[in-house]
Amino acid sequence: MRILIVEDESDMARLISRNLGRMGFVCDVAPYLAHAFEALRSHPYELMLLDRRLPDGDGMEAIPSIRALRPGVRIIVVSAIDAPAEKVKGLDGGADDYVSKPFDPEELGARVRARLRLPIGETPPPIRAGALSLDVLHRQVSLNGSPFLLHKREFDLLAELLTHVNCVVSRTTLFDAVYGFDDARQDCAFDSLISRLRKRLLEADAMVEIHLVRGRGYILMEMH
């Protein structure tokens, strides 16, 4: 699951990104509102953490434009502006939550999880293919009804392929699903990830196979 962190203080952004990364989230960081809107146009984020005092404006004042662009994104304002009246203003202005700085990292993580448990509309059903069932919201995979444990990047890769089962997915799209903006992107590491997941699915008799489609990308196909 992908989260956008809109924060111009690099140390704070790294702290938040590292803590949420340990919880299994892919985090992108945008230090400016302009960068945040570019990221929102590129990816359907489930949630964003939004600072207020940004170099190009007050993040809270951008919430109506964010909602117009991505109506379903959950927004948690994270700010040192902690007066009760400002919190009320933020919540009334469209934020889903308002967290004051300094904050406890564990509490912020709990608030993120709590927001993501509140579906916008209906909770999406598990994605099924072959012997696999993948619950994107709870980041769980089962194989013939039993848990199938994957590392974070293996899960993100499988989720993107399963979402487009029996269709070719470009290498660029898979890269974006697996790596955040700030992650080092090495072709050899990505190729190893593909090979490792392909081998695990084969050894587990998952009834799906990953195939390379030269010049186009990869496809996850069901076996019959």
C-alpha atoms as a PDB file:
ATOM      1  CA  MET A   1       0.000   0.000   0.000  1.00  0.00           C
ATOM      2  CA  ARG A   2       1.375   3.387  -1.028  1.00  0.00           C
ATOM      3  CA  ILE A   3       1.461   6.519   1.158  1.00  0.00           C
ATOM      4  CA  LEU A   4       2.440  10.063   0.182  1.00  0.00           C
ATOM      5  CA  ILE A   5       4.341  12.095   2.796  1.00  0.00           C
ATOM      6  CA  VAL A   6       4.189  15.841   2.116  1.00  0.00           C
ATOM      7  CA  GLU A   7       6.948  17.183   4.364  1.00  0.00           C
ATOM      8  CA  ASP A   8       9.776  19.639   3.615  1.00  0.00           C
ATOM      9  CA  GLU A   9      11.951  18.801   6.648  1.00  0.00           C
ATOM     10  CA  SER A  10      14.141  15.981   5.339  1.00  0.00           C
ATOM     11  CA  ASP A  11      14.912  14.451   8.752  1.00  0.00           C
ATOM     12  CA  MET A  12      11.221  14.359   9.665  1.00  0.00           C
ATOM     13  CA  ALA A  13      10.314  12.874   6.282  1.00  0.00           C
ATOM     14  CA  ARG A  14      12.949  10.146   6.686  1.00  0.00           C
ATOM     15  CA  LEU A  15      11.722   9.328  10.198  1.00  0.00           C
ATOM     16  CA  ILE A  16       8.125   8.954   9.079  1.00  0.00           C
ATOM     17  CA  SER A  17       9.056   7.039   5.924  1.00  0.00           C
ATOM     18  CA  ARG A  18      11.309   4.633   7.813  1.00  0.00           C
ATOM     19  CA  ASN A  19       8.723   3.877  10.489  1.00  0.00           C
ATOM     20  CA  LEU A  20       5.903   3.338   8.015  1.00  0.00           C
ATOM     21  CA  GLY A  21       8.207   1.283   5.797  1.00  0.00           C
ATOM     22  CA  ARG A  22       8.731  -1.123   8.696  1.00  0.00           C
ATOM     23  CA  MET A  23       4.960  -1.564   8.796  1.00  0.00           C
ATOM     24  CA  GLY A  24       4.915  -2.650   5.168  1.00  0.00           C
ATOM     25  CA  PHE A  25       3.978   0.599   3.430  1.00  0.00           C
ATOM     26  CA  VAL A  26       5.663   2.046   0.353  1.00  0.00           C
ATOM     27  CA  CYS A  27       6.269   5.750   1.060  1.00  0.00           C
ATOM     28  CA  ASP A  28       6.924   8.586  -1.369  1.00  0.00           C
ATOM     29  CA  VAL A  29       8.070  11.990  -0.132  1.00  0.00           C
ATOM     30  CA  ALA A  30       7.086  15.345  -1.619  1.00  0.00           C
ATOM     31  CA  PRO A  31       8.758  18.433  -0.062  1.00  0.00           C
ATOM     32  CA  TYR A  32       6.511  20.915  -1.878  1.00  0.00           C
ATOM     33  CA  LEU A  33       2.798  21.088  -2.623  1.00  0.00           C
ATOM     34  CA  ALA A  34       3.653  21.248  -6.326  1.00  0.00           C
ATOM     35  CA  HIS A  35       5.521  17.950  -6.024  1.00  0.00           C
ATOM     36  CA  ALA A  36       2.611  16.462  -4.084  1.00  0.00           C
ATOM     37  CA  PHE A  37       0.167  17.238  -6.878  1.00  0.00           C
ATOM     38  CA  GLU A  38       2.536  15.700  -9.436  1.00  0.00           C
ATOM     39  CA  ALA A  39       2.701  12.547  -7.331  1.00  0.00           C
ATOM     40  CA  LEU A  40      -1.089  12.446  -6.854  1.00  0.00           C
ATOM     41  CA  ARG A  41      -1.573  12.616 -10.615  1.00  0.00           C
ATOM     42  CA  SER A  42       0.795   9.658 -11.045  1.00  0.00           C
ATOM     43  CA  HIS A  43      -0.375   7.275  -8.308  1.00  0.00           C
ATOM     44  CA  PRO A  44      -3.709   6.428  -6.626  1.00  0.00           C
ATOM     45  CA  TYR A  45      -2.489   6.860  -3.037  1.00  0.00           C
ATOM     46  CA  GLU A  46      -4.668   5.411  -0.300  1.00  0.00           C
ATOM     47  CA  LEU A  47      -3.444   7.929   2.270  1.00  0.00           C
ATOM     48  CA  MET A  48      -1.303  11.047   2.569  1.00  0.00           C
ATOM     49  CA  LEU A  49       0.388  12.735   5.519  1.00  0.00           C
ATOM     50  CA  LEU A  50       0.231  16.473   4.965  1.00  0.00           C
ATOM     51  CA  ASP A  51       2.367  19.118   6.670  1.00  0.00           C
ATOM     52  CA  ARG A  52       1.065  22.687   6.866  1.00  0.00           C
ATOM     53  CA  ARG A  53       4.066  25.007   6.739  1.00  0.00           C
ATOM     54  CA  LEU A  54       5.413  24.106   3.316  1.00  0.00           C
ATOM     55  CA  PRO A  55       7.673  26.279   1.144  1.00  0.00           C
ATOM     56  CA  ASP A  56       4.920  26.924  -1.381  1.00  0.00           C
ATOM     57  CA  GLY A  57       1.896  27.237   0.896  1.00  0.00           C
ATOM     58  CA  ASP A  58      -0.221  25.949   3.760  1.00  0.00           C
ATOM     59  CA  GLY A  59      -0.972  22.286   3.185  1.00  0.00           C
ATOM     60  CA  MET A  60      -4.376  22.592   4.808  1.00  0.00           C
ATOM     61  CA  GLU A  61      -5.473  25.184   2.258  1.00  0.00           C
ATOM     62  CA  ALA A  62      -4.685  22.687  -0.508  1.00  0.00           C
ATOM     63  CA  ILE A  63      -7.092  20.026   0.818  1.00  0.00           C
ATOM     64  CA  PRO A  64     -10.049  21.043  -1.425  1.00  0.00           C
ATOM     65  CA  SER A  65      -7.823  20.755  -4.519  1.00  0.00           C
ATOM     66  CA  ILE A  66      -6.459  17.420  -3.292  1.00  0.00           C
ATOM     67  CA  ARG A  67      -9.997  16.133  -2.780  1.00  0.00           C
ATOM     68  CA  ALA A  68     -10.958  17.273  -6.288  1.00  0.00           C
ATOM     69  CA  LEU A  69      -8.000  15.392  -7.771  1.00  0.00           C
ATOM     70  CA  ARG A  70      -8.167  12.259  -5.569  1.00  0.00           C
ATOM     71  CA  PRO A  71     -11.578  12.070  -3.842  1.00  0.00           C
ATOM     72  CA  GLY A  72     -10.793   8.789  -2.109  1.00  0.00           C
ATOM     73  CA  VAL A  73      -7.443   9.611  -0.495  1.00  0.00           C
ATOM     74  CA  ARG A  74      -7.367   9.750   3.311  1.00  0.00           C
ATOM     75  CA  ILE A  75      -5.614  12.889   4.584  1.00  0.00           C
ATOM     76  CA  ILE A  76      -3.875  13.149   7.954  1.00  0.00           C
ATOM     77  CA  VAL A  77      -2.523  16.616   8.713  1.00  0.00           C
ATOM     78  CA  VAL A  78       0.776  16.419  10.636  1.00  0.00           C
ATOM     79  CA  SER A  79       1.749  19.856  11.924  1.00  0.00           C
ATOM     80  CA  ALA A  80       3.432  21.812  14.707  1.00  0.00           C
ATOM     81  CA  ILE A  81       0.464  24.179  14.591  1.00  0.00           C
ATOM     82  CA  ASP A  82      -1.399  22.511  17.432  1.00  0.00           C
ATOM     83  CA  ALA A  83      -3.901  25.052  18.746  1.00  0.00           C
ATOM     84  CA  PRO A  84      -7.314  23.407  19.294  1.00  0.00           C
ATOM     85  CA  ALA A  85      -8.974  25.938  17.004  1.00  0.00           C
ATOM     86  CA  GLU A  86      -6.549  25.014  14.201  1.00  0.00           C
ATOM     87  CA  LYS A  87      -7.272  21.311  14.653  1.00  0.00           C
ATOM     88  CA  VAL A  88     -10.999  21.986  14.432  1.00  0.00           C
ATOM     89  CA  LYS A  89     -10.396  24.098  11.340  1.00  0.00           C
ATOM     90  CA  GLY A  90      -8.391  21.304   9.746  1.00  0.00           C
ATOM     91  CA  LEU A  91     -10.977  18.611  10.438  1.00  0.00           C
ATOM     92  CA  ASP A  92     -13.834  20.828   9.319  1.00  0.00           C
ATOM     93  CA  GLY A  93     -11.793  21.699   6.231  1.00  0.00           C
ATOM     94  CA  GLY A  94     -11.665  18.114   5.007  1.00  0.00           C
ATOM     95  CA  ALA A  95      -8.816  16.385   6.849  1.00  0.00           C
ATOM     96  CA  ASP A  96      -9.556  12.903   8.199  1.00  0.00           C
ATOM     97  CA  ASP A  97      -7.254  13.378  11.194  1.00  0.00           C
ATOM     98  CA  TYR A  98      -4.889  15.954  12.680  1.00  0.00           C
ATOM     99  CA  VAL A  99      -1.672  14.943  14.473  1.00  0.00           C
ATOM    100  CA  SER A 100       0.483  17.446  16.352  1.00  0.00           C
ATOM    101  CA  LYS A 101       4.275  17.594  16.176  1.00  0.00           C
ATOM    102  CA  PRO A 102       6.198  16.298  18.010  1.00  0.00           C
ATOM    103  CA  PHE A 103       4.387  12.979  17.849  1.00  0.00           C
ATOM    104  CA  ASP A 104       4.975   9.417  18.958  1.00  0.00           C
ATOM    105  CA  PRO A 105       5.884   7.321  15.869  1.00  0.00           C
ATOM    106  CA  GLU A 106       3.886   4.358  17.137  1.00  0.00           C
ATOM    107  CA  GLU A 107       0.823   6.526  17.604  1.00  0.00           C
ATOM    108  CA  LEU A 108       1.150   7.955  14.104  1.00  0.00           C
ATOM    109  CA  GLY A 109       1.420   4.427  12.715  1.00  0.00           C
ATOM    110  CA  ALA A 110      -1.685   3.403  14.643  1.00  0.00           C
ATOM    111  CA  ARG A 111      -3.595   6.400  13.285  1.00  0.00           C
ATOM    112  CA  VAL A 112      -2.543   5.488   9.742  1.00  0.00           C
ATOM    113  CA  ARG A 113      -3.733   1.910  10.208  1.00  0.00           C
ATOM    114  CA  ALA A 114      -6.995   3.091  11.759  1.00  0.00           C
ATOM    115  CA  ARG A 115      -7.715   5.423   8.818  1.00  0.00           C
ATOM    116  CA  LEU A 116      -6.979   2.672   6.310  1.00  0.00           C
ATOM    117  CA  ARG A 117      -9.382   0.340   8.101  1.00  0.00           C
ATOM    118  CA  LEU A 118     -12.197   2.785   7.380  1.00  0.00           C
ATOM    119  CA  PRO A 119     -13.150   2.030   3.770  1.00  0.00           C
ATOM    120  CA  ILE A 120     -14.325   4.659   1.343  1.00  0.00           C
ATOM    121  CA  GLY A 121     -17.380   2.909  -0.031  1.00  0.00           C
ATOM    122  CA  GLU A 122     -17.239  -0.864   0.003  1.00  0.00           C
ATOM    123  CA  THR A 123     -14.172  -2.822   0.999  1.00  0.00           C
ATOM    124  CA  PRO A 124     -12.662  -4.321  -2.154  1.00  0.00           C
ATOM    125  CA  PRO A 125     -12.904  -8.114  -2.340  1.00  0.00           C
ATOM    126  CA  PRO A 126      -9.736 -10.242  -2.382  1.00  0.00           C
ATOM    127  CA  ILE A 127      -8.033 -10.659  -5.741  1.00  0.00           C
ATOM    128  CA  ARG A 128      -8.053 -14.314  -6.759  1.00  0.00           C
ATOM    129  CA  ALA A 129      -6.054 -16.204  -9.364  1.00  0.00           C
ATOM    130  CA  GLY A 130      -4.987 -19.829  -9.450  1.00  0.00           C
ATOM    131  CA  ALA A 131      -4.629 -21.005  -5.848  1.00  0.00           C
ATOM    132  CA  LEU A 132      -3.920 -17.475  -4.580  1.00  0.00           C
ATOM    133  CA  SER A 133      -6.110 -14.955  -2.797  1.00  0.00           C
ATOM    134  CA  LEU A 134      -4.683 -11.485  -2.084  1.00  0.00           C
ATOM    135  CA  ASP A 135      -6.177  -8.956   0.332  1.00  0.00           C
ATOM    136  CA  VAL A 136      -4.640  -5.612  -0.649  1.00  0.00           C
ATOM    137  CA  LEU A 137      -6.098  -3.642   2.271  1.00  0.00           C
ATOM    138  CA  HIS A 138      -4.689  -5.951   4.956  1.00  0.00           C
ATOM    139  CA  ARG A 139      -1.607  -6.966   2.910  1.00  0.00           C
ATOM    140  CA  GLN A 140      -2.306 -10.679   3.245  1.00  0.00           C
ATOM    141  CA  VAL A 141      -1.890 -13.505   0.756  1.00  0.00           C
ATOM    142  CA  SER A 142      -3.317 -16.988   1.124  1.00  0.00           C
ATOM    143  CA  LEU A 143      -2.586 -20.130  -0.860  1.00  0.00           C
ATOM    144  CA  ASN A 144      -5.425 -22.655  -0.905  1.00  0.00           C
ATOM    145  CA  GLY A 145      -6.757 -20.945   2.217  1.00  0.00           C
ATOM    146  CA  SER A 146      -3.478 -20.993   4.166  1.00  0.00           C
ATOM    147  CA  PRO A 147      -1.215 -17.962   4.785  1.00  0.00           C
ATOM    148  CA  PHE A 148       1.457 -17.453   2.111  1.00  0.00           C
ATOM    149  CA  LEU A 149       4.120 -15.176   3.602  1.00  0.00           C
ATOM    150  CA  LEU A 150       5.953 -12.739   1.349  1.00  0.00           C
ATOM    151  CA  HIS A 151       8.495  -9.998   1.868  1.00  0.00           C
ATOM    152  CA  LYS A 152       7.209  -6.448   1.345  1.00  0.00           C
ATOM    153  CA  ARG A 153       8.512  -6.006  -2.206  1.00  0.00           C
ATOM    154  CA  GLU A 154       7.430  -9.501  -3.188  1.00  0.00           C
ATOM    155  CA  PHE A 155       3.931  -8.633  -2.007  1.00  0.00           C
ATOM    156  CA  ASP A 156       3.867  -5.316  -3.890  1.00  0.00           C
ATOM    157  CA  LEU A 157       5.072  -7.007  -7.075  1.00  0.00           C
ATOM    158  CA  LEU A 158       2.539  -9.823  -6.782  1.00  0.00           C
ATOM    159  CA  ALA A 159      -0.279  -7.377  -6.015  1.00  0.00           C
ATOM    160  CA  GLU A 160       0.416  -5.373  -9.176  1.00  0.00           C
ATOM    161  CA  LEU A 161       0.631  -8.503 -11.334  1.00  0.00           C
ATOM    162  CA  LEU A 162      -2.495 -10.049  -9.794  1.00  0.00           C
ATOM    163  CA  THR A 163      -4.451  -6.841 -10.307  1.00  0.00           C
ATOM    164  CA  HIS A 164      -3.793  -7.278 -14.034  1.00  0.00           C
ATOM    165  CA  VAL A 165      -3.832 -11.086 -14.179  1.00  0.00           C
ATOM    166  CA  ASN A 166      -3.513 -12.475 -17.727  1.00  0.00           C
ATOM    167  CA  CYS A 167      -2.555  -8.979 -18.964  1.00  0.00           C
ATOM    168  CA  VAL A 168       0.911  -7.614 -19.724  1.00  0.00           C
ATOM    169  CA  VAL A 169       2.201  -5.096 -17.157  1.00  0.00           C
ATOM    170  CA  SER A 170       5.070  -2.842 -18.212  1.00  0.00           C
ATOM    171  CA  ARG A 171       8.387  -2.973 -16.402  1.00  0.00           C
ATOM    172  CA  THR A 172       8.020   0.716 -15.518  1.00  0.00           C
ATOM    173  CA  THR A 173       4.627   0.127 -13.882  1.00  0.00           C
ATOM    174  CA  LEU A 174       6.041  -2.736 -11.822  1.00  0.00           C
ATOM    175  CA  PHE A 175       9.043  -0.631 -10.794  1.00  0.00           C
ATOM    176  CA  ASP A 176       6.709   2.112  -9.570  1.00  0.00           C
ATOM    177  CA  ALA A 177       4.594  -0.383  -7.624  1.00  0.00           C
ATOM    178  CA  VAL A 178       7.606  -1.872  -5.835  1.00  0.00           C
ATOM    179  CA  TYR A 179       9.893   1.098  -5.215  1.00  0.00           C
ATOM    180  CA  GLY A 180       9.267   4.522  -3.703  1.00  0.00           C
ATOM    181  CA  PHE A 181      10.537   7.728  -5.277  1.00  0.00           C
ATOM    182  CA  ASP A 182      13.620   7.786  -3.055  1.00  0.00           C
ATOM    183  CA  ASP A 183      14.523   4.087  -3.332  1.00  0.00           C
ATOM    184  CA  ALA A 184      17.553   3.030  -5.328  1.00  0.00           C
ATOM    185  CA  ARG A 185      16.291   1.387  -8.497  1.00  0.00           C
ATOM    186  CA  GLN A 186      18.682  -1.210  -9.845  1.00  0.00           C
ATOM    187  CA  ASP A 187      17.754  -3.403 -12.772  1.00  0.00           C
ATOM    188  CA  CYS A 188      19.671  -6.383 -11.401  1.00  0.00           C
ATOM    189  CA  ALA A 189      17.863  -6.174  -8.039  1.00  0.00           C
ATOM    190  CA  PHE A 190      14.484  -5.952  -9.787  1.00  0.00           C
ATOM    191  CA  ASP A 191      15.333  -8.933 -12.013  1.00  0.00           C
ATOM    192  CA  SER A 192      16.310 -10.911  -8.914  1.00  0.00           C
ATOM    193  CA  LEU A 193      12.995  -9.984  -7.301  1.00  0.00           C
ATOM    194  CA  ILE A 194      11.073 -11.233 -10.343  1.00  0.00           C
ATOM    195  CA  SER A 195      13.058 -14.485 -10.376  1.00  0.00           C
ATOM    196  CA  ARG A 196      12.592 -15.039  -6.645  1.00  0.00           C
ATOM    197  CA  LEU A 197       8.839 -14.520  -6.765  1.00  0.00           C
ATOM    198  CA  ARG A 198       8.515 -16.699  -9.865  1.00  0.00           C
ATOM    199  CA  LYS A 199      10.415 -19.511  -8.099  1.00  0.00           C
ATOM    200  CA  ARG A 200       8.337 -19.206  -4.921  1.00  0.00           C
ATOM    201  CA  LEU A 201       5.068 -19.405  -6.853  1.00  0.00           C
ATOM    202  CA  LEU A 202       6.294 -22.427  -8.786  1.00  0.00           C
ATOM    203  CA  GLU A 203       7.544 -24.267  -5.698  1.00  0.00           C
ATOM    204  CA  ALA A 204       4.284 -23.536  -3.849  1.00  0.00           C
ATOM    205  CA  ASP A 205       2.205 -24.882  -6.757  1.00  0.00           C
ATOM    206  CA  ALA A 206       0.259 -21.612  -6.808  1.00  0.00           C
ATOM    207  CA  MET A 207      -1.237 -22.408 -10.234  1.00  0.00           C
ATOM    208  CA  VAL A 208       0.047 -19.111 -11.660  1.00  0.00           C
ATOM    209  CA  GLU A 209       3.214 -18.325 -13.596  1.00  0.00           C
ATOM    210  CA  ILE A 210       5.131 -15.115 -14.312  1.00  0.00           C
ATOM    211  CA  HIS A 211       6.287 -14.755 -17.926  1.00  0.00           C
ATOM    212  CA  LEU A 212       8.529 -12.188 -19.584  1.00  0.00           C
ATOM    213  CA  VAL A 213       7.005 -10.558 -22.664  1.00  0.00           C
ATOM    214  CA  ARG A 214      10.036  -9.114 -24.435  1.00  0.00           C
ATOM    215  CA  GLY A 215       9.837  -5.430 -25.123  1.00  0.00           C
ATOM    216  CA  ARG A 216       6.572  -5.060 -23.230  1.00  0.00           C
ATOM    217  CA  GLY A 217       6.899  -6.242 -19.618  1.00  0.00           C
ATOM    218  CA  TYR A 218       5.618  -9.199 -17.599  1.00  0.00           C
ATOM    219  CA  ILE A 219       2.390 -11.164 -17.360  1.00  0.00           C
ATOM    220  CA  LEU A 220       0.990 -13.345 -14.572  1.00  0.00           C
ATOM    221  CA  MET A 221      -0.963 -16.189 -16.143  1.00  0.00           C
ATOM    222  CA  GLU A 222      -3.238 -18.746 -14.550  1.00  0.00           C
ATOM    223  CA  MET A 223      -2.399 -22.393 -15.164  1.00  0.00           C
ATOM    224  CA  HIS A 224      -5.171 -24.767 -16.134  1.00  0.00           C
END
